[in-house]
Amino acid sequence: MGHAALGGREWVVLLPCWRQLVHAGSTLRKLAAAAGVAGGAVPGGVGWLAVATADVPEWTSRAVASQGVTAPVERCNHAMTFDSIRGLTVMFGGFAGARGGGRVGDTWTWDGAQWQALLSSEAGPAARELHAMAFDPARRVAVMFGGVDRDGSVRGDVWEFDGTTWAERPQSGNLPTARYGHAMVYDGAAGGVLVFGGQLQDGTASDELWRWSGTDWSRVEASGPVPGPRSMHVMAFDTERGVAVLHGGRGADGPRGDTWEWTGMQWRTFGTDEVAARSSHAMAYDSARGVTVMVGGDRGDSLASWQVWEWDGIQWRQGSPGAWRPPAGFGRAMAFDSLRNRAVLMGGISGMTLTAEAWELGQPCSGPSWDVEPIARRLCGSDTTMVSVITGTTGPANFQWWKDGSVIDPLVNPSAATGILLVQGDAASVDGWYDCVISNDCGTTLSATARLPVAWCVCSMADVCGGGPNGDQPDGTVDGADFIAFMNGFASGTSAVRSQADIAGGGEFGDQPDGTVDGSDFIAFLNAFTTGC
């Protein structure tokens, strides 16, 4: 797909035919540049336009590496928003089924590579589902409102998350009624967080539009028609055109398929015939491509949708499903990571089963791979060695080393966050199994595991005594105990490498045991003993 502007009019080509657009704007110019428009001409006798298709987004499954990595349990009816200040997707709550304990109140962040659990319900809002969240960049907080708690009560509380802690905000005066299944967006044009619709405690649906300023609520009155009462709908804010986009939901007559936009003063509608009616779908604005992306949903006929639709302000277009895509589902949460230019989709109900799957939609992307994996090596008790990996990943990559299934803290050993792990020999704390988790914007993978045994290495051939895990083994010093141990071994003439007197004859590490005790061992010992360590 590409765009061009000629004679004051905007056109878009949806291969293999042209379609005229009725408005201009930087959104279309951005898409034209992304599409790689080059040369040619347009309808009206000026020629034709060549369009590249390299900007078609693809789905990427974001399964995390299993080495010690925690991740949210399966859930639906949760809420997510992107914290553009800290560069993290924030998720709260939802319904986690019997295994997860029903309605949950946990807080998680996703950085594009790993999930991190931040807070339980004991340190923040009550567990709930069917709530809504939006990030307020002006006040640097994620705002959450409403939902249904574990007791089945409909909530009307407001909480804000600053990246570290949740805080409940006091409310007074004219307030929105407690509700669930509503939608929230940050108004990038006028500021504040907008809330529309939702199901009330008495079972009726709302058609009210409210604004939260951070200190109080105000009812927003529109001139002209308004969307009908509904719940389980979705909203996203188109920052390019400065409008809030609303689609679908469940009204008194069942699922709806209408599309509306809030301009700041009024609602405008675009009809109901382009996209099948649905509710409990997911939606986010893709600021990189200038389109609102909608995924899945409950169509009301016991069938969930797998379709991806994109709204450019003029029409809905069905996105290419690709060979690899999320299964049909509903009750998911979605947010757009504007730092990495990828839409993040998590959880939901697929095939009548709760899922914890995470997916991302963005430009074609390759996850990390290994060129060289960690190699096992012997480490002497007083030495420093390296365990290294070489990755074939292009672009920025993150490394995290693990030992025996536990993370190595980069604050203690900074090299644990690099491709080369530096290890100081110490039998008590170093001996073990090492591997590395590497991640980039497109995936996470786990390296092979390498054993790093700590050996009691000789400081010289005369270092034959002093204790160790296997008896009188080298201890890093040459003293009288080594002389006595050698003479006892030499006098006994014991064959094979068990003899402490068998120190000469060649081997992997120089003049090592050769299976005999003879004069060469005596001469080698005396030379080494005189030299010391």
Protein backbone atom coordinates (compact mmCIF):
# COMPACT_ATOMS: atom_id res chain seq x y z
CA MET A 1 0.00 0.00 0.00
CA GLY A 2 1.21 3.55 -0.74
CA HIS A 3 -0.03 7.12 -0.86
CA ALA A 4 0.57 10.13 -3.10
CA ALA A 5 -0.63 13.73 -3.26
CA LEU A 6 -1.36 15.31 -6.64
CA GLY A 7 -3.44 18.29 -7.64
CA GLY A 8 -4.32 18.92 -4.00
CA ARG A 9 -5.94 15.50 -3.66
CA GLU A 10 -4.72 12.43 -1.76
CA TRP A 11 -4.78 8.95 -3.32
CA VAL A 12 -3.98 5.53 -1.94
CA VAL A 13 -3.17 2.45 -3.98
CA LEU A 14 -4.50 -0.85 -2.64
CA LEU A 15 -3.06 -3.18 -5.21
CA PRO A 16 -4.17 -3.74 -7.87
CA CYS A 17 -6.40 -0.61 -8.06
CA TRP A 18 -6.42 3.02 -6.96
CA ARG A 19 -8.73 4.55 -4.38
CA GLN A 20 -9.09 8.30 -3.85
CA LEU A 21 -8.72 9.64 -0.30
CA VAL A 22 -10.77 12.59 0.84
CA HIS A 23 -8.29 14.24 3.19
CA ALA A 24 -4.62 15.09 3.37
CA GLY A 25 -2.36 14.86 6.37
CA SER A 26 1.00 13.85 7.76
CA THR A 27 -0.35 10.33 8.43
CA LEU A 28 -0.58 9.68 4.70
CA ARG A 29 2.79 11.26 4.03
CA LYS A 30 4.35 9.06 6.70
CA LEU A 31 2.76 5.95 5.17
CA ALA A 32 3.95 6.96 1.71
CA ALA A 33 7.51 7.25 2.95
CA ALA A 34 7.29 3.94 4.83
CA ALA A 35 5.93 2.21 1.74
CA GLY A 36 8.89 3.30 -0.35
CA VAL A 37 6.89 5.14 -3.01
CA ALA A 38 9.08 5.91 -6.00
CA GLY A 39 8.63 7.39 -9.49
CA GLY A 40 5.67 7.06 -11.80
CA ALA A 41 2.44 9.00 -11.82
CA VAL A 42 -1.17 8.86 -10.66
CA PRO A 43 -4.69 8.69 -12.05
CA GLY A 44 -5.89 11.60 -14.20
CA GLY A 45 -3.54 10.97 -17.11
CA VAL A 46 -0.27 11.60 -15.28
CA GLY A 47 0.79 7.95 -15.01
CA TRP A 48 1.01 5.32 -12.24
CA LEU A 49 2.76 4.90 -8.94
CA ALA A 50 5.15 2.07 -8.00
CA VAL A 51 4.65 0.85 -4.43
CA ALA A 52 6.89 -1.31 -2.25
CA THR A 53 5.28 -3.72 0.23
CA ALA A 54 8.13 -4.12 2.69
CA ASP A 55 6.22 -2.25 5.41
CA VAL A 56 3.65 -5.02 5.91
CA PRO A 57 3.79 -5.92 9.63
CA GLU A 58 4.21 -9.46 10.91
CA TRP A 59 3.25 -11.27 14.11
CA THR A 60 5.97 -12.57 16.41
CA SER A 61 5.30 -15.01 19.25
CA ARG A 62 6.99 -13.71 22.38
CA ALA A 63 7.56 -16.88 24.39
CA VAL A 64 10.21 -16.16 27.02
CA ALA A 65 13.25 -18.34 27.70
CA SER A 66 12.55 -20.87 30.43
CA GLN A 67 15.74 -20.40 32.50
CA GLY A 68 14.45 -18.98 35.75
CA VAL A 69 12.13 -16.56 33.94
CA THR A 70 8.77 -15.80 35.50
CA ALA A 71 5.74 -14.75 33.48
CA PRO A 72 2.09 -13.96 34.17
CA VAL A 73 -0.35 -16.83 34.46
CA GLU A 74 -3.06 -17.19 31.85
CA ARG A 75 -5.86 -14.62 32.12
CA CYS A 76 -8.55 -12.63 30.35
CA ASN A 77 -10.33 -9.29 30.88
CA HIS A 78 -7.12 -7.67 32.14
CA ALA A 79 -5.83 -4.20 31.20
CA MET A 80 -2.59 -2.97 29.65
CA THR A 81 -1.10 0.38 28.72
CA PHE A 82 2.30 1.56 27.51
CA ASP A 83 4.37 3.71 29.85
CA SER A 84 6.14 5.93 27.33
CA ILE A 85 8.28 7.57 30.04
CA ARG A 86 9.86 4.34 31.28
CA GLY A 87 9.54 2.38 28.02
CA LEU A 88 7.50 -0.47 29.55
CA THR A 89 4.13 -2.08 28.91
CA VAL A 90 2.21 -2.21 32.20
CA MET A 91 -0.41 -4.91 32.88
CA PHE A 92 -2.77 -5.26 35.83
CA GLY A 93 -5.28 -7.86 37.02
CA GLY A 94 -7.81 -9.88 35.07
CA PHE A 95 -9.53 -13.22 35.51
CA ALA A 96 -7.00 -16.05 35.85
CA GLY A 97 -9.33 -19.03 36.29
CA ALA A 98 -9.17 -21.63 39.01
CA ARG A 99 -5.43 -22.24 38.68
CA GLY A 100 -4.66 -18.56 38.98
CA GLY A 101 -7.05 -17.91 41.87
CA GLY A 102 -9.92 -16.24 40.02
CA ARG A 103 -9.75 -12.46 39.77
CA VAL A 104 -6.17 -11.30 40.38
CA GLY A 105 -4.51 -8.04 41.38
CA ASP A 106 -0.92 -8.50 40.22
CA THR A 107 1.11 -5.86 38.37
CA TRP A 108 3.56 -6.78 35.60
CA THR A 109 5.77 -4.94 33.13
CA TRP A 110 7.01 -6.13 29.73
CA ASP A 111 10.19 -4.63 28.24
CA GLY A 112 10.12 -6.53 24.96
CA ALA A 113 12.19 -9.41 26.31
CA GLN A 114 10.99 -10.34 29.81
CA TRP A 115 8.06 -9.98 32.13
CA GLN A 116 8.75 -8.59 35.58
CA ALA A 117 6.36 -9.00 38.49
CA LEU A 118 6.15 -5.76 40.44
CA LEU A 119 3.36 -5.82 43.00
CA SER A 120 0.68 -8.13 44.36
CA SER A 121 -2.84 -7.03 45.26
CA GLU A 122 -1.70 -6.56 48.87
CA ALA A 123 0.41 -3.60 47.73
CA GLY A 124 -2.05 -1.94 45.36
CA PRO A 125 -5.58 -2.01 43.98
CA ALA A 126 -7.97 -4.82 44.83
CA ALA A 127 -8.00 -7.77 42.44
CA ARG A 128 -10.41 -7.19 39.56
CA GLU A 129 -11.33 -7.78 35.93
CA LEU A 130 -13.03 -5.76 33.18
CA HIS A 131 -11.33 -2.58 34.36
CA ALA A 132 -9.56 -0.11 32.04
CA MET A 133 -6.18 1.65 31.98
CA ALA A 134 -4.53 4.51 30.10
CA PHE A 135 -1.14 6.18 30.46
CA ASP A 136 -1.02 9.92 31.15
CA PRO A 137 2.42 11.10 29.89
CA ALA A 138 1.89 14.63 31.17
CA ARG A 139 1.60 13.36 34.74
CA ARG A 140 3.87 10.31 34.15
CA VAL A 141 1.36 7.80 35.59
CA ALA A 142 -0.81 4.93 34.42
CA VAL A 143 -4.45 5.56 35.39
CA MET A 144 -6.87 2.73 36.21
CA PHE A 145 -10.62 3.00 36.80
CA GLY A 146 -13.47 0.61 37.65
CA GLY A 147 -13.90 -3.13 37.15
CA VAL A 148 -15.42 -6.04 39.06
CA ASP A 149 -13.65 -7.26 42.22
CA ARG A 150 -13.46 -10.73 43.80
CA ASP A 151 -16.74 -10.18 45.66
CA GLY A 152 -18.54 -9.35 42.43
CA SER A 153 -18.86 -5.69 43.39
CA VAL A 154 -18.62 -3.09 40.64
CA ARG A 155 -15.84 -0.62 41.38
CA GLY A 156 -15.66 3.14 40.88
CA ASP A 157 -12.20 3.78 42.35
CA VAL A 158 -9.32 5.53 40.59
CA TRP A 159 -5.73 4.34 41.02
CA GLU A 160 -2.49 5.67 39.53
CA PHE A 161 0.80 3.83 39.05
CA ASP A 162 4.06 5.78 38.85
CA GLY A 163 6.24 2.87 37.76
CA THR A 164 6.95 1.81 41.33
CA THR A 165 3.83 2.14 43.49
CA TRP A 166 0.06 2.38 43.16
CA ALA A 167 -1.81 5.22 44.85
CA GLU A 168 -5.60 5.57 45.14
CA ARG A 169 -6.84 9.02 44.18
CA PRO A 170 -9.54 10.77 46.21
CA GLN A 171 -12.76 11.64 44.38
CA SER A 172 -15.49 14.11 45.20
CA GLY A 173 -18.23 16.09 43.53
CA ASN A 174 -19.72 14.96 40.22
CA LEU A 175 -18.42 11.44 39.60
CA PRO A 176 -18.95 8.71 37.00
CA THR A 177 -20.97 5.78 38.29
CA ALA A 178 -19.04 2.63 39.16
CA ARG A 179 -18.75 0.44 36.06
CA TYR A 180 -16.97 -2.34 34.18
CA GLY A 181 -16.35 -3.18 30.54
CA HIS A 182 -15.69 0.50 29.74
CA ALA A 183 -12.87 1.94 27.61
CA MET A 184 -10.18 4.51 28.45
CA VAL A 185 -7.66 6.53 26.41
CA TYR A 186 -5.39 9.47 27.06
CA ASP A 187 -6.56 12.52 25.12
CA GLY A 188 -3.38 13.58 23.36
CA ALA A 189 -5.02 16.75 22.06
CA ALA A 190 -6.76 18.22 25.12
CA GLY A 191 -5.03 16.29 27.91
CA GLY A 192 -6.62 14.15 30.59
CA VAL A 193 -7.97 10.61 30.40
CA LEU A 194 -11.26 9.90 28.62
CA VAL A 195 -13.67 7.18 29.79
CA PHE A 196 -16.62 6.07 27.69
CA GLY A 197 -19.49 3.66 28.32
CA GLY A 198 -19.42 0.51 30.44
CA GLN A 199 -21.84 -1.68 32.34
CA LEU A 200 -23.30 -0.31 35.58
CA GLN A 201 -24.18 -2.13 38.80
CA ASP A 202 -27.88 -2.27 37.85
CA GLY A 203 -27.09 -4.01 34.56
CA THR A 204 -27.67 -1.05 32.28
CA ALA A 205 -25.03 0.23 29.89
CA SER A 206 -23.74 3.79 29.78
CA ASP A 207 -23.24 6.22 26.90
CA GLU A 208 -21.48 8.85 29.01
CA LEU A 209 -18.11 10.40 28.22
CA TRP A 210 -16.01 11.51 31.20
CA ARG A 211 -12.62 13.16 31.59
CA TRP A 212 -10.19 12.58 34.50
CA SER A 213 -7.75 15.47 34.97
CA GLY A 214 -5.69 13.85 37.69
CA THR A 215 -7.58 15.64 40.46
CA ASP A 216 -11.26 15.56 39.47
CA TRP A 217 -13.83 14.28 37.01
CA SER A 218 -15.86 16.29 34.50
CA ARG A 219 -18.74 15.09 32.33
CA VAL A 220 -18.03 15.82 28.65
CA GLU A 221 -21.10 16.89 26.72
CA ALA A 222 -21.12 16.41 22.97
CA SER A 223 -22.94 18.37 20.32
CA GLY A 224 -24.83 16.11 17.96
CA PRO A 225 -25.24 12.31 17.96
CA VAL A 226 -23.39 10.07 20.41
CA PRO A 227 -22.52 6.34 20.33
CA GLY A 228 -25.25 4.22 21.89
CA PRO A 229 -24.90 2.72 25.37
CA ARG A 230 -22.46 -0.19 25.35
CA SER A 231 -19.79 -2.17 27.14
CA MET A 232 -16.88 -4.43 26.10
CA HIS A 233 -15.96 -1.93 23.37
CA VAL A 234 -12.48 -0.58 22.57
CA MET A 235 -10.90 2.85 22.16
CA ALA A 236 -7.54 4.14 20.94
CA PHE A 237 -6.22 7.66 20.46
CA ASP A 238 -4.94 8.56 16.98
CA THR A 239 -2.14 10.99 17.83
CA GLU A 240 -1.59 11.88 14.16
CA ARG A 241 -5.14 13.14 13.61
CA GLY A 242 -5.89 14.10 17.22
CA VAL A 243 -9.04 11.96 17.60
CA ALA A 244 -10.18 9.11 19.84
CA VAL A 245 -11.37 6.08 17.84
CA LEU A 246 -14.13 3.85 19.25
CA HIS A 247 -15.34 0.57 17.80
CA GLY A 248 -17.91 -2.12 18.55
CA GLY A 249 -18.90 -3.45 21.94
CA ARG A 250 -22.11 -4.96 23.28
CA GLY A 251 -25.32 -2.96 23.33
CA ALA A 252 -28.85 -3.87 24.31
CA ASP A 253 -29.29 -5.62 20.94
CA GLY A 254 -26.03 -7.58 21.06
CA PRO A 255 -22.60 -6.99 19.52
CA ARG A 256 -22.09 -3.82 17.52
CA GLY A 257 -19.89 -3.06 14.53
CA ASP A 258 -20.02 0.73 14.38
CA THR A 259 -17.01 3.04 14.32
CA TRP A 260 -16.95 6.48 15.96
CA GLU A 261 -14.38 9.21 16.45
CA TRP A 262 -14.30 11.85 19.18
CA THR A 263 -12.93 15.12 17.79
CA GLY A 264 -12.77 16.99 21.07
CA MET A 265 -16.19 18.61 20.57
CA GLN A 266 -18.38 16.00 18.92
CA TRP A 267 -18.72 12.40 17.88
CA ARG A 268 -18.75 11.45 14.22
CA THR A 269 -19.78 8.04 12.93
CA PHE A 270 -18.57 6.01 9.96
CA GLY A 271 -21.28 3.36 9.67
CA THR A 272 -21.47 -0.31 10.59
CA ASP A 273 -20.98 -2.32 7.42
CA GLU A 274 -17.21 -2.66 7.05
CA VAL A 275 -16.28 -4.87 10.03
CA ALA A 276 -18.39 -7.63 11.57
CA ALA A 277 -19.96 -6.72 14.92
CA ARG A 278 -17.94 -7.85 17.92
CA SER A 279 -17.14 -7.21 21.57
CA SER A 280 -14.24 -7.97 23.93
CA HIS A 281 -11.73 -7.29 21.17
CA ALA A 282 -8.38 -5.50 21.52
CA MET A 283 -7.22 -2.28 19.90
CA ALA A 284 -4.25 0.11 19.93
CA TYR A 285 -2.95 2.96 17.79
CA ASP A 286 0.21 2.16 15.80
CA SER A 287 1.99 5.52 15.74
CA ALA A 288 4.76 4.15 13.50
CA ARG A 289 2.37 3.41 10.63
CA GLY A 290 -0.41 5.90 11.46
CA VAL A 291 -3.20 3.31 11.77
CA THR A 292 -5.43 1.98 14.54
CA VAL A 293 -5.02 -1.80 14.83
CA MET A 294 -7.88 -4.02 16.04
CA VAL A 295 -7.54 -7.75 16.83
CA GLY A 296 -9.99 -10.59 17.49
CA GLY A 297 -13.19 -10.31 19.49
CA ASP A 298 -16.39 -12.15 20.38
CA ARG A 299 -18.76 -12.06 17.41
CA GLY A 300 -21.78 -13.13 19.46
CA ASP A 301 -22.21 -16.44 17.65
CA SER A 302 -20.01 -18.50 19.98
CA LEU A 303 -17.11 -17.94 17.60
CA ALA A 304 -14.09 -15.81 18.31
CA SER A 305 -12.39 -13.86 15.55
CA TRP A 306 -8.74 -14.11 14.54
CA GLN A 307 -8.92 -11.20 12.12
CA VAL A 308 -6.72 -8.11 12.24
CA TRP A 309 -8.26 -4.85 11.00
CA GLU A 310 -6.63 -1.46 10.50
CA TRP A 311 -8.38 1.93 10.51
CA ASP A 312 -6.72 4.87 8.75
CA GLY A 313 -9.45 7.45 9.38
CA ILE A 314 -11.24 6.68 6.14
CA GLN A 315 -11.85 2.97 6.05
CA TRP A 316 -11.13 -0.34 7.73
CA ARG A 317 -8.75 -2.68 5.90
CA GLN A 318 -8.24 -6.30 6.85
CA GLY A 319 -4.60 -6.92 7.63
CA SER A 320 -2.69 -9.82 6.18
CA PRO A 321 -2.95 -12.74 8.63
CA GLY A 322 0.47 -14.13 7.74
CA ALA A 323 1.57 -17.71 8.21
CA TRP A 324 2.22 -17.13 11.91
CA ARG A 325 -0.44 -15.31 13.91
CA PRO A 326 -2.34 -15.47 17.20
CA PRO A 327 -5.24 -17.94 17.26
CA ALA A 328 -8.81 -16.68 17.35
CA GLY A 329 -9.63 -15.19 20.70
CA PHE A 330 -11.24 -12.47 22.80
CA GLY A 331 -10.81 -10.90 26.23
CA ARG A 332 -7.23 -9.94 25.37
CA ALA A 333 -5.35 -6.76 26.21
CA MET A 334 -3.28 -4.75 23.76
CA ALA A 335 -0.92 -1.76 23.94
CA PHE A 336 1.43 -0.15 21.44
CA ASP A 337 5.09 0.07 22.44
CA SER A 338 6.11 3.34 20.76
CA LEU A 339 9.74 2.85 21.79
CA ARG A 340 10.09 -0.37 19.78
CA ASN A 341 7.22 0.34 17.34
CA ARG A 342 5.44 -2.91 18.12
CA ALA A 343 1.89 -3.69 19.27
CA VAL A 344 1.87 -6.03 22.28
CA LEU A 345 -1.02 -8.51 22.66
CA MET A 346 -1.38 -10.73 25.71
CA GLY A 347 -3.67 -13.36 27.20
CA GLY A 348 -7.36 -13.83 26.48
CA ILE A 349 -9.60 -16.78 25.72
CA SER A 350 -8.71 -18.95 22.76
CA GLY A 351 -10.66 -22.09 21.96
CA MET A 352 -12.59 -21.60 25.24
CA THR A 353 -9.29 -21.86 27.13
CA LEU A 354 -7.48 -19.13 29.02
CA THR A 355 -4.03 -18.37 27.64
CA ALA A 356 -0.92 -16.51 28.74
CA GLU A 357 0.47 -16.20 25.22
CA ALA A 358 2.13 -12.92 24.28
CA TRP A 359 2.42 -11.72 20.68
CA GLU A 360 3.82 -8.65 18.99
CA LEU A 361 2.84 -7.06 15.69
CA GLY A 362 5.40 -4.96 13.86
CA GLN A 363 7.94 -4.89 11.09
CA PRO A 364 9.49 -8.24 10.13
CA CYS A 365 11.87 -9.15 12.88
CA SER A 366 14.29 -11.95 13.77
CA GLY A 367 14.92 -13.18 17.26
CA PRO A 368 18.42 -13.76 18.64
CA SER A 369 20.62 -16.68 17.58
CA TRP A 370 23.98 -18.07 18.69
CA ASP A 371 27.17 -18.25 16.66
CA VAL A 372 29.28 -19.57 19.54
CA GLU A 373 27.82 -21.08 22.70
CA PRO A 374 29.50 -21.29 26.15
CA ILE A 375 32.34 -23.82 26.38
CA ALA A 376 33.18 -25.80 29.51
CA ARG A 377 36.65 -25.23 30.94
CA ARG A 378 38.64 -25.98 34.08
CA LEU A 379 39.22 -23.07 36.44
CA CYS A 380 42.10 -23.04 38.90
CA GLY A 381 41.21 -22.02 42.41
CA SER A 382 42.97 -18.67 42.29
CA ASP A 383 42.52 -17.77 38.62
CA THR A 384 40.06 -15.65 36.65
CA THR A 385 38.55 -17.07 33.49
CA MET A 386 35.96 -16.13 30.89
CA VAL A 387 32.80 -17.89 29.78
CA SER A 388 31.72 -16.23 26.56
CA VAL A 389 29.04 -16.33 23.89
CA ILE A 390 28.96 -14.85 20.42
CA THR A 391 25.57 -14.04 18.97
CA GLY A 392 24.50 -13.68 15.37
CA THR A 393 21.82 -11.20 16.41
CA THR A 394 21.80 -7.91 14.57
CA GLY A 395 20.98 -4.75 16.46
CA PRO A 396 21.03 -4.19 20.23
CA ALA A 397 20.99 -7.31 22.38
CA ASN A 398 20.62 -7.89 26.11
CA PHE A 399 22.55 -10.59 27.98
CA GLN A 400 21.89 -12.19 31.35
CA TRP A 401 24.06 -14.98 32.75
CA TRP A 402 22.75 -17.67 35.09
CA LYS A 403 24.50 -20.16 37.38
CA ASP A 404 22.79 -23.38 38.47
CA GLY A 405 19.39 -21.92 37.57
CA SER A 406 19.83 -18.65 39.47
CA VAL A 407 20.49 -15.24 37.97
CA ILE A 408 23.95 -13.72 38.47
CA ASP A 409 23.32 -10.22 39.77
CA PRO A 410 24.94 -7.63 37.43
CA LEU A 411 25.30 -5.31 40.42
CA VAL A 412 27.66 -7.89 41.97
CA ASN A 413 29.31 -8.99 38.73
CA PRO A 414 28.74 -6.41 35.95
CA SER A 415 29.98 -8.85 33.30
CA ALA A 416 26.80 -10.92 33.91
CA ALA A 417 24.99 -8.43 31.65
CA THR A 418 27.49 -8.78 28.79
CA GLY A 419 28.46 -11.46 26.31
CA ILE A 420 31.62 -12.29 28.28
CA LEU A 421 31.21 -13.49 31.86
CA LEU A 422 34.31 -13.03 34.04
CA VAL A 423 34.58 -15.61 36.82
CA GLN A 424 37.03 -15.48 39.74
CA GLY A 425 37.99 -18.96 40.86
CA ASP A 426 36.60 -20.03 44.22
CA ALA A 427 35.54 -23.62 44.82
CA ALA A 428 32.75 -22.69 47.18
CA SER A 429 30.88 -20.26 44.93
CA VAL A 430 32.01 -20.70 41.33
CA ASP A 431 31.92 -24.42 40.57
CA GLY A 432 28.68 -25.10 38.66
CA TRP A 433 26.68 -24.92 35.44
CA TYR A 434 26.48 -21.68 33.45
CA ASP A 435 24.21 -20.49 30.65
CA CYS A 436 23.07 -17.19 29.18
CA VAL A 437 19.71 -15.69 28.18
CA ILE A 438 19.94 -13.27 25.26
CA SER A 439 17.12 -11.08 24.02
CA ASN A 440 16.45 -8.42 21.44
CA ASP A 441 13.34 -6.59 20.28
CA CYS A 442 12.08 -9.70 18.51
CA GLY A 443 12.63 -12.56 20.91
CA THR A 444 14.50 -14.31 23.69
CA THR A 445 16.58 -17.48 23.59
CA LEU A 446 18.62 -19.58 25.99
CA SER A 447 22.18 -20.73 25.28
CA ALA A 448 23.60 -24.17 25.87
CA THR A 449 24.80 -24.95 29.41
CA ALA A 450 28.52 -25.21 30.15
CA ARG A 451 30.14 -26.77 33.23
CA LEU A 452 32.80 -24.72 34.96
CA PRO A 453 34.56 -27.02 37.45
CA VAL A 454 37.08 -25.51 39.85
CA ALA A 455 40.21 -27.64 39.98
CA TRP A 456 42.97 -27.65 42.57
CA CYS A 457 45.58 -26.60 40.07
CA VAL A 458 49.33 -26.89 40.71
CA CYS A 459 51.36 -23.73 41.14
CA SER A 460 54.39 -25.85 40.20
CA MET A 461 55.24 -29.54 39.87
CA ALA A 462 56.48 -29.47 43.46
CA ASP A 463 53.03 -28.46 44.76
CA VAL A 464 51.83 -31.97 45.66
CA CYS A 465 50.40 -31.58 49.14
CA GLY A 466 48.13 -29.36 51.18
CA GLY A 467 44.62 -30.74 51.18
CA GLY A 468 41.71 -30.50 48.79
CA PRO A 469 38.48 -32.22 47.84
CA ASN A 470 40.34 -35.44 46.96
CA GLY A 471 42.88 -35.64 49.74
CA ASP A 472 46.46 -34.35 49.62
CA GLN A 473 46.10 -32.32 46.44
CA PRO A 474 47.84 -29.08 45.38
CA ASP A 475 47.12 -26.06 47.55
CA GLY A 476 49.04 -23.32 45.75
CA THR A 477 52.14 -23.42 48.01
CA VAL A 478 55.47 -25.30 47.99
CA ASP A 479 56.73 -26.18 51.46
CA GLY A 480 58.04 -28.98 53.64
CA ALA A 481 54.74 -30.88 53.50
CA ASP A 482 55.18 -31.21 49.74
CA PHE A 483 58.75 -32.56 50.20
CA ILE A 484 57.60 -35.20 52.71
CA ALA A 485 54.66 -36.18 50.52
CA PHE A 486 56.89 -36.54 47.50
CA MET A 487 59.53 -38.63 49.31
CA ASN A 488 56.87 -40.95 50.73
CA GLY A 489 55.43 -41.44 47.27
CA PHE A 490 58.85 -41.93 45.70
CA ALA A 491 59.86 -44.49 48.30
CA SER A 492 56.69 -46.50 47.83
CA GLY A 493 57.15 -46.53 44.05
CA THR A 494 53.44 -46.73 43.51
CA SER A 495 52.62 -46.88 39.84
CA ALA A 496 49.94 -44.94 37.96
CA VAL A 497 48.92 -41.34 38.41
CA ARG A 498 47.72 -41.81 42.00
CA SER A 499 51.28 -41.42 43.26
CA GLN A 500 52.18 -37.96 44.48
CA ALA A 501 55.70 -38.67 43.27
CA ASP A 502 54.63 -39.14 39.64
CA ILE A 503 55.06 -35.56 38.45
CA ALA A 504 57.10 -35.80 35.24
CA GLY A 505 56.64 -37.35 31.84
CA GLY A 506 54.46 -34.99 29.78
CA GLY A 507 50.76 -34.45 29.59
CA GLU A 508 48.06 -31.98 28.69
CA PHE A 509 49.39 -29.31 31.03
CA GLY A 510 53.17 -29.86 30.60
CA ASP A 511 55.25 -32.29 32.65
CA GLN A 512 52.33 -34.13 34.17
CA PRO A 513 52.08 -37.73 35.47
CA ASP A 514 52.99 -40.47 33.00
CA GLY A 515 52.20 -43.56 35.09
CA THR A 516 55.74 -44.29 36.33
CA VAL A 517 57.81 -43.21 39.33
CA ASP A 518 61.48 -42.93 38.45
CA GLY A 519 64.55 -40.70 38.49
CA SER A 520 63.03 -38.14 36.12
CA ASP A 521 60.33 -37.48 38.72
CA PHE A 522 62.97 -36.98 41.44
CA ILE A 523 64.97 -34.51 39.32
CA ALA A 524 61.81 -32.64 38.24
CA PHE A 525 60.65 -32.35 41.85
CA LEU A 526 63.99 -31.02 43.11
CA ASN A 527 64.12 -28.40 40.35
CA ALA A 528 60.51 -27.31 41.03
CA PHE A 529 60.98 -27.37 44.82
CA THR A 530 64.04 -25.11 44.54
CA THR A 531 62.12 -22.67 42.33
CA GLY A 532 58.96 -22.72 44.45
CA CYS A 533 55.76 -21.01 43.30
